[in-house]
Amino acid sequence: ELMARIGETMQIWTPEAKDFVLAGKFVMRFETGLRAPDALHLAIAENRGAKLMLTLDRGLLKAAKTLGIPASHGIRLAS
């Protein structure tokens, strides 16, 4: 059942040149604290107009919020 739900709601996108360009811009914004792989994930989400990016990575979530990209843990994590 979980895999069926994931298949209904999750999309997989292949990175394009524009994603690498935007990821580079995100990395250069030092307040995000992003490294290249996470910046690429956010760039892909931004360029594809993702409604929401789910992550368990607190640093990635903070960077997404800094950049104005809709993101959430999707679940509550213990502090």
PDB file of N, CA and C in Angstrom:
ATOM      1  N   GLU A   1       0.823  -1.193   0.000  1.00  0.00           N
ATOM      2  CA  GLU A   1       0.000   0.000   0.000  1.00  0.00           C
ATOM      3  C   GLU A   1       0.872   1.263   0.000  1.00  0.00           C
ATOM      4  N   LEU A   2       1.962   1.239   0.776  1.00  0.00           N
ATOM      5  CA  LEU A   2       2.839   2.408   0.822  1.00  0.00           C
ATOM      6  C   LEU A   2       3.405   2.716  -0.559  1.00  0.00           C
ATOM      7  N   MET A   3       3.886   1.714  -1.249  1.00  0.00           N
ATOM      8  CA  MET A   3       4.471   1.941  -2.574  1.00  0.00           C
ATOM      9  C   MET A   3       3.423   2.462  -3.551  1.00  0.00           C
ATOM     10  N   ALA A   4       2.195   2.012  -3.433  1.00  0.00           N
ATOM     11  CA  ALA A   4       1.129   2.509  -4.305  1.00  0.00           C
ATOM     12  C   ALA A   4       0.887   3.988  -4.044  1.00  0.00           C
ATOM     13  N   ARG A   5       0.869   4.387  -2.780  1.00  0.00           N
ATOM     14  CA  ARG A   5       0.667   5.804  -2.444  1.00  0.00           C
ATOM     15  C   ARG A   5       1.836   6.651  -2.925  1.00  0.00           C
ATOM     16  N   ILE A   6       3.040   6.146  -2.741  1.00  0.00           N
ATOM     17  CA  ILE A   6       4.210   6.886  -3.205  1.00  0.00           C
ATOM     18  C   ILE A   6       4.125   7.077  -4.711  1.00  0.00           C
ATOM     19  N   GLY A   7       3.762   6.043  -5.421  1.00  0.00           N
ATOM     20  CA  GLY A   7       3.641   6.129  -6.872  1.00  0.00           C
ATOM     21  C   GLY A   7       2.609   7.135  -7.327  1.00  0.00           C
ATOM     22  N   GLU A   8       1.581   7.343  -6.524  1.00  0.00           N
ATOM     23  CA  GLU A   8       0.528   8.299  -6.865  1.00  0.00           C
ATOM     24  C   GLU A   8       0.943   9.742  -6.609  1.00  0.00           C
ATOM     25  N   THR A   9       1.856   9.954  -5.681  1.00  0.00           N
ATOM     26  CA  THR A   9       2.156  11.322  -5.249  1.00  0.00           C
ATOM     27  C   THR A   9       3.570  11.785  -5.542  1.00  0.00           C
ATOM     28  N   MET A  10       4.493  10.896  -5.761  1.00  0.00           N
ATOM     29  CA  MET A  10       5.892  11.265  -5.943  1.00  0.00           C
ATOM     30  C   MET A  10       6.256  11.287  -7.420  1.00  0.00           C
ATOM     31  N   GLN A  11       7.066  12.255  -7.784  1.00  0.00           N
ATOM     32  CA  GLN A  11       7.581  12.322  -9.144  1.00  0.00           C
ATOM     33  C   GLN A  11       9.097  12.294  -9.091  1.00  0.00           C
ATOM     34  N   ILE A  12       9.706  11.682 -10.081  1.00  0.00           N
ATOM     35  CA  ILE A  12      11.162  11.642 -10.190  1.00  0.00           C
ATOM     36  C   ILE A  12      11.547  12.438 -11.426  1.00  0.00           C
ATOM     37  N   TRP A  13      12.431  13.399 -11.238  1.00  0.00           N
ATOM     38  CA  TRP A  13      12.873  14.254 -12.333  1.00  0.00           C
ATOM     39  C   TRP A  13      14.366  14.087 -12.565  1.00  0.00           C
ATOM     40  N   THR A  14      14.758  14.042 -13.821  1.00  0.00           N
ATOM     41  CA  THR A  14      16.165  13.990 -14.198  1.00  0.00           C
ATOM     42  C   THR A  14      16.705  15.413 -14.256  1.00  0.00           C
ATOM     43  N   PRO A  15      17.863  15.668 -13.636  1.00  0.00           N
ATOM     44  CA  PRO A  15      18.419  17.024 -13.668  1.00  0.00           C
ATOM     45  C   PRO A  15      18.723  17.486 -15.091  1.00  0.00           C
ATOM     46  N   GLU A  16      18.489  18.764 -15.318  1.00  0.00           N
ATOM     47  CA  GLU A  16      18.796  19.403 -16.594  1.00  0.00           C
ATOM     48  C   GLU A  16      19.822  20.501 -16.347  1.00  0.00           C
ATOM     49  N   ALA A  17      20.369  21.051 -17.410  1.00  0.00           N
ATOM     50  CA  ALA A  17      21.392  22.099 -17.287  1.00  0.00           C
ATOM     51  C   ALA A  17      20.903  23.258 -16.425  1.00  0.00           C
ATOM     52  N   LYS A  18      19.650  23.656 -16.606  1.00  0.00           N
ATOM     53  CA  LYS A  18      19.117  24.787 -15.833  1.00  0.00           C
ATOM     54  C   LYS A  18      19.108  24.492 -14.337  1.00  0.00           C
ATOM     55  N   ASP A  19      18.999  23.225 -13.968  1.00  0.00           N
ATOM     56  CA  ASP A  19      19.008  22.853 -12.556  1.00  0.00           C
ATOM     57  C   ASP A  19      20.398  23.051 -11.948  1.00  0.00           C
ATOM     58  N   PHE A  20      21.429  22.703 -12.703  1.00  0.00           N
ATOM     59  CA  PHE A  20      22.798  22.883 -12.218  1.00  0.00           C
ATOM     60  C   PHE A  20      23.141  24.367 -12.092  1.00  0.00           C
ATOM     61  N   VAL A  21      22.642  25.167 -13.019  1.00  0.00           N
ATOM     62  CA  VAL A  21      22.874  26.618 -12.960  1.00  0.00           C
ATOM     63  C   VAL A  21      22.224  27.196 -11.706  1.00  0.00           C
ATOM     64  N   LEU A  22      20.968  26.851 -11.473  1.00  0.00           N
ATOM     65  CA  LEU A  22      20.267  27.369 -10.301  1.00  0.00           C
ATOM     66  C   LEU A  22      20.892  26.840  -9.010  1.00  0.00           C
ATOM     67  N   ALA A  23      21.303  25.590  -8.994  1.00  0.00           N
ATOM     68  CA  ALA A  23      21.956  25.022  -7.807  1.00  0.00           C
ATOM     69  C   ALA A  23      23.218  25.810  -7.468  1.00  0.00           C
ATOM     70  N   GLY A  24      23.972  26.194  -8.481  1.00  0.00           N
ATOM     71  CA  GLY A  24      25.166  27.009  -8.256  1.00  0.00           C
ATOM     72  C   GLY A  24      24.825  28.337  -7.610  1.00  0.00           C
ATOM     73  N   LYS A  25      23.729  28.934  -8.046  1.00  0.00           N
ATOM     74  CA  LYS A  25      23.286  30.203  -7.444  1.00  0.00           C
ATOM     75  C   LYS A  25      22.874  29.996  -5.991  1.00  0.00           C
ATOM     76  N   PHE A  26      22.220  28.887  -5.710  1.00  0.00           N
ATOM     77  CA  PHE A  26      21.811  28.596  -4.336  1.00  0.00           C
ATOM     78  C   PHE A  26      23.030  28.410  -3.428  1.00  0.00           C
ATOM     79  N   VAL A  27      24.042  27.709  -3.912  1.00  0.00           N
ATOM     80  CA  VAL A  27      25.256  27.477  -3.121  1.00  0.00           C
ATOM     81  C   VAL A  27      25.957  28.795  -2.809  1.00  0.00           C
ATOM     82  N   MET A  28      25.919  29.718  -3.750  1.00  0.00           N
ATOM     83  CA  MET A  28      26.576  31.014  -3.556  1.00  0.00           C
ATOM     84  C   MET A  28      25.857  31.885  -2.533  1.00  0.00           C
ATOM     85  N   ARG A  29      24.645  31.554  -2.212  1.00  0.00           N
ATOM     86  CA  ARG A  29      23.923  32.271  -1.148  1.00  0.00           C
ATOM     87  C   ARG A  29      24.317  31.611   0.174  1.00  0.00           C
ATOM     88  N   PHE A  30      25.348  32.150   0.780  1.00  0.00           N
ATOM     89  CA  PHE A  30      25.968  31.503   1.930  1.00  0.00           C
ATOM     90  C   PHE A  30      25.025  31.323   3.114  1.00  0.00           C
ATOM     91  N   GLU A  31      23.990  32.163   3.209  1.00  0.00           N
ATOM     92  CA  GLU A  31      23.059  32.033   4.335  1.00  0.00           C
ATOM     93  C   GLU A  31      22.268  30.725   4.282  1.00  0.00           C
ATOM     94  N   THR A  32      22.255  30.076   3.111  1.00  0.00           N
ATOM     95  CA  THR A  32      21.539  28.798   3.009  1.00  0.00           C
ATOM     96  C   THR A  32      22.328  27.654   3.630  1.00  0.00           C
ATOM     97  N   GLY A  33      23.651  27.767   3.649  1.00  0.00           N
ATOM     98  CA  GLY A  33      24.489  26.687   4.163  1.00  0.00           C
ATOM     99  C   GLY A  33      24.464  25.444   3.288  1.00  0.00           C
ATOM    100  N   LEU A  34      24.029  25.599   2.034  1.00  0.00           N
ATOM    101  CA  LEU A  34      23.873  24.443   1.145  1.00  0.00           C
ATOM    102  C   LEU A  34      25.194  23.978   0.552  1.00  0.00           C
ATOM    103  N   ARG A  35      25.276  22.670   0.365  1.00  0.00           N
ATOM    104  CA  ARG A  35      26.341  22.068  -0.431  1.00  0.00           C
ATOM    105  C   ARG A  35      25.694  21.613  -1.738  1.00  0.00           C
ATOM    106  N   ALA A  36      26.507  21.287  -2.700  1.00  0.00           N
ATOM    107  CA  ALA A  36      26.030  21.028  -4.061  1.00  0.00           C
ATOM    108  C   ALA A  36      24.882  20.012  -4.168  1.00  0.00           C
ATOM    109  N   PRO A  37      24.965  18.830  -3.553  1.00  0.00           N
ATOM    110  CA  PRO A  37      23.872  17.860  -3.745  1.00  0.00           C
ATOM    111  C   PRO A  37      22.512  18.371  -3.269  1.00  0.00           C
ATOM    112  N   ASP A  38      22.479  18.977  -2.084  1.00  0.00           N
ATOM    113  CA  ASP A  38      21.208  19.499  -1.578  1.00  0.00           C
ATOM    114  C   ASP A  38      20.732  20.681  -2.404  1.00  0.00           C
ATOM    115  N   ALA A  39      21.664  21.516  -2.848  1.00  0.00           N
ATOM    116  CA  ALA A  39      21.299  22.649  -3.700  1.00  0.00           C
ATOM    117  C   ALA A  39      20.662  22.148  -4.993  1.00  0.00           C
ATOM    118  N   LEU A  40      21.179  21.058  -5.534  1.00  0.00           N
ATOM    119  CA  LEU A  40      20.616  20.497  -6.761  1.00  0.00           C
ATOM    120  C   LEU A  40      19.199  19.987  -6.515  1.00  0.00           C
ATOM    121  N   HIS A  41      18.969  19.330  -5.390  1.00  0.00           N
ATOM    122  CA  HIS A  41      17.609  18.868  -5.075  1.00  0.00           C
ATOM    123  C   HIS A  41      16.634  20.036  -5.031  1.00  0.00           C
ATOM    124  N   LEU A  42      17.036  21.117  -4.367  1.00  0.00           N
ATOM    125  CA  LEU A  42      16.155  22.280  -4.271  1.00  0.00           C
ATOM    126  C   LEU A  42      15.965  22.957  -5.623  1.00  0.00           C
ATOM    127  N   ALA A  43      17.014  23.018  -6.415  1.00  0.00           N
ATOM    128  CA  ALA A  43      16.913  23.639  -7.737  1.00  0.00           C
ATOM    129  C   ALA A  43      15.945  22.868  -8.631  1.00  0.00           C
ATOM    130  N   ILE A  44      16.015  21.563  -8.584  1.00  0.00           N
ATOM    131  CA  ILE A  44      15.098  20.742  -9.382  1.00  0.00           C
ATOM    132  C   ILE A  44      13.660  20.991  -8.932  1.00  0.00           C
ATOM    133  N   ALA A  45      13.437  21.005  -7.628  1.00  0.00           N
ATOM    134  CA  ALA A  45      12.086  21.262  -7.108  1.00  0.00           C
ATOM    135  C   ALA A  45      11.595  22.637  -7.545  1.00  0.00           C
ATOM    136  N   GLU A  46      12.448  23.633  -7.447  1.00  0.00           N
ATOM    137  CA  GLU A  46      12.078  25.001  -7.824  1.00  0.00           C
ATOM    138  C   GLU A  46      11.784  25.105  -9.318  1.00  0.00           C
ATOM    139  N   ASN A  47      12.660  24.562 -10.137  1.00  0.00           N
ATOM    140  CA  ASN A  47      12.486  24.663 -11.589  1.00  0.00           C
ATOM    141  C   ASN A  47      11.277  23.893 -12.105  1.00  0.00           C
ATOM    142  N   ARG A  48      10.848  22.860 -11.388  1.00  0.00           N
ATOM    143  CA  ARG A  48       9.696  22.069 -11.828  1.00  0.00           C
ATOM    144  C   ARG A  48       8.398  22.555 -11.189  1.00  0.00           C
ATOM    145  N   GLY A  49       8.501  23.571 -10.326  1.00  0.00           N
ATOM    146  CA  GLY A  49       7.293  24.087  -9.684  1.00  0.00           C
ATOM    147  C   GLY A  49       6.681  23.117  -8.694  1.00  0.00           C
ATOM    148  N   ALA A  50       7.528  22.385  -7.995  1.00  0.00           N
ATOM    149  CA  ALA A  50       7.019  21.422  -7.009  1.00  0.00           C
ATOM    150  C   ALA A  50       6.136  22.128  -5.987  1.00  0.00           C
ATOM    151  N   LYS A  51       5.013  21.521  -5.678  1.00  0.00           N
ATOM    152  CA  LYS A  51       4.095  22.100  -4.696  1.00  0.00           C
ATOM    153  C   LYS A  51       4.657  21.991  -3.288  1.00  0.00           C
ATOM    154  N   LEU A  52       5.397  20.922  -3.019  1.00  0.00           N
ATOM    155  CA  LEU A  52       5.963  20.709  -1.695  1.00  0.00           C
ATOM    156  C   LEU A  52       7.094  19.698  -1.793  1.00  0.00           C
ATOM    157  N   MET A  53       8.198  20.014  -1.145  1.00  0.00           N
ATOM    158  CA  MET A  53       9.317  19.080  -1.060  1.00  0.00           C
ATOM    159  C   MET A  53       9.344  18.524   0.355  1.00  0.00           C
ATOM    160  N   LEU A  54       9.353  17.211   0.472  1.00  0.00           N
ATOM    161  CA  LEU A  54       9.408  16.571   1.784  1.00  0.00           C
ATOM    162  C   LEU A  54      10.833  16.130   2.067  1.00  0.00           C
ATOM    163  N   THR A  55      11.292  16.402   3.281  1.00  0.00           N
ATOM    164  CA  THR A  55      12.641  16.021   3.673  1.00  0.00           C
ATOM    165  C   THR A  55      12.702  15.794   5.173  1.00  0.00           C
ATOM    166  N   LEU A  56      13.561  14.906   5.587  1.00  0.00           N
ATOM    167  CA  LEU A  56      13.829  14.718   7.010  1.00  0.00           C
ATOM    168  C   LEU A  56      15.103  15.446   7.413  1.00  0.00           C
ATOM    169  N   ASP A  57      15.737  16.116   6.473  1.00  0.00           N
ATOM    170  CA  ASP A  57      16.990  16.844   6.696  1.00  0.00           C
ATOM    171  C   ASP A  57      16.676  18.265   7.163  1.00  0.00           C
ATOM    172  N   ARG A  58      16.985  18.548   8.415  1.00  0.00           N
ATOM    173  CA  ARG A  58      16.660  19.868   8.975  1.00  0.00           C
ATOM    174  C   ARG A  58      17.400  20.995   8.259  1.00  0.00           C
ATOM    175  N   GLY A  59      18.643  20.750   7.862  1.00  0.00           N
ATOM    176  CA  GLY A  59      19.410  21.764   7.144  1.00  0.00           C
ATOM    177  C   GLY A  59      18.802  22.075   5.787  1.00  0.00           C
ATOM    178  N   LEU A  60      18.353  21.041   5.096  1.00  0.00           N
ATOM    179  CA  LEU A  60      17.719  21.228   3.794  1.00  0.00           C
ATOM    180  C   LEU A  60      16.395  21.969   3.949  1.00  0.00           C
ATOM    181  N   LEU A  61      15.658  21.644   4.984  1.00  0.00           N
ATOM    182  CA  LEU A  61      14.391  22.326   5.250  1.00  0.00           C
ATOM    183  C   LEU A  61      14.625  23.812   5.525  1.00  0.00           C
ATOM    184  N   LYS A  62      15.624  24.123   6.330  1.00  0.00           N
ATOM    185  CA  LYS A  62      15.943  25.519   6.646  1.00  0.00           C
ATOM    186  C   LYS A  62      16.344  26.272   5.376  1.00  0.00           C
ATOM    187  N   ALA A  63      17.173  25.649   4.545  1.00  0.00           N
ATOM    188  CA  ALA A  63      17.602  26.288   3.301  1.00  0.00           C
ATOM    189  C   ALA A  63      16.414  26.524   2.376  1.00  0.00           C
ATOM    190  N   ALA A  64      15.521  25.551   2.287  1.00  0.00           N
ATOM    191  CA  ALA A  64      14.337  25.700   1.436  1.00  0.00           C
ATOM    192  C   ALA A  64      13.512  26.893   1.889  1.00  0.00           C
ATOM    193  N   LYS A  65      13.322  27.009   3.181  1.00  0.00           N
ATOM    194  CA  LYS A  65      12.547  28.139   3.700  1.00  0.00           C
ATOM    195  C   LYS A  65      13.252  29.458   3.416  1.00  0.00           C
ATOM    196  N   THR A  66      14.567  29.488   3.547  1.00  0.00           N
ATOM    197  CA  THR A  66      15.341  30.694   3.239  1.00  0.00           C
ATOM    198  C   THR A  66      15.153  31.100   1.784  1.00  0.00           C
ATOM    199  N   LEU A  67      15.077  30.111   0.901  1.00  0.00           N
ATOM    200  CA  LEU A  67      14.946  30.367  -0.534  1.00  0.00           C
ATOM    201  C   LEU A  67      13.495  30.530  -0.977  1.00  0.00           C
ATOM    202  N   GLY A  68      12.551  30.332  -0.076  1.00  0.00           N
ATOM    203  CA  GLY A  68      11.140  30.463  -0.432  1.00  0.00           C
ATOM    204  C   GLY A  68      10.586  29.272  -1.183  1.00  0.00           C
ATOM    205  N   ILE A  69      11.224  28.115  -1.016  1.00  0.00           N
ATOM    206  CA  ILE A  69      10.763  26.891  -1.667  1.00  0.00           C
ATOM    207  C   ILE A  69       9.908  26.123  -0.659  1.00  0.00           C
ATOM    208  N   PRO A  70       8.659  25.776  -1.011  1.00  0.00           N
ATOM    209  CA  PRO A  70       7.796  25.078  -0.061  1.00  0.00           C
ATOM    210  C   PRO A  70       8.372  23.716   0.314  1.00  0.00           C
ATOM    211  N   ALA A  71       8.601  23.527   1.601  1.00  0.00           N
ATOM    212  CA  ALA A  71       9.178  22.273   2.079  1.00  0.00           C
ATOM    213  C   ALA A  71       8.646  21.975   3.470  1.00  0.00           C
ATOM    214  N   SER A  72       8.645  20.701   3.795  1.00  0.00           N
ATOM    215  CA  SER A  72       8.145  20.263   5.093  1.00  0.00           C
ATOM    216  C   SER A  72       8.813  18.950   5.461  1.00  0.00           C
ATOM    217  N   HIS A  73       8.836  18.673   6.777  1.00  0.00           N
ATOM    218  CA  HIS A  73       9.286  17.356   7.218  1.00  0.00           C
ATOM    219  C   HIS A  73       8.250  16.309   6.839  1.00  0.00           C
ATOM    220  N   GLY A  74       7.009  16.722   6.737  1.00  0.00           N
ATOM    221  CA  GLY A  74       5.949  15.783   6.403  1.00  0.00           C
ATOM    222  C   GLY A  74       5.485  14.980   7.603  1.00  0.00           C
ATOM    223  N   ILE A  75       6.354  14.871   8.597  1.00  0.00           N
ATOM    224  CA  ILE A  75       6.027  14.209   9.852  1.00  0.00           C
ATOM    225  C   ILE A  75       6.663  15.023  10.965  1.00  0.00           C
ATOM    226  N   ARG A  76       6.213  14.799  12.161  1.00  0.00           N
ATOM    227  CA  ARG A  76       6.834  15.487  13.299  1.00  0.00           C
ATOM    228  C   ARG A  76       8.027  14.666  13.777  1.00  0.00           C
ATOM    229  N   LEU A  77       9.126  15.361  14.011  1.00  0.00           N
ATOM    230  CA  LEU A  77      10.320  14.709  14.532  1.00  0.00           C
ATOM    231  C   LEU A  77      10.507  15.097  15.990  1.00  0.00           C
ATOM    232  N   ALA A  78      11.012  14.170  16.771  1.00  0.00           N
ATOM    233  CA  ALA A  78      11.319  14.488  18.163  1.00  0.00           C
ATOM    234  C   ALA A  78      12.488  15.460  18.196  1.00  0.00           C
ATOM    235  N   SER A  79      12.428  16.416  19.081  1.00  0.00           N
ATOM    236  CA  SER A  79      13.504  17.410  19.188  1.00  0.00           C
ATOM    237  C   SER A  79      14.708  16.861  19.893  1.00  0.00           C
TER     238      SER A  79
END
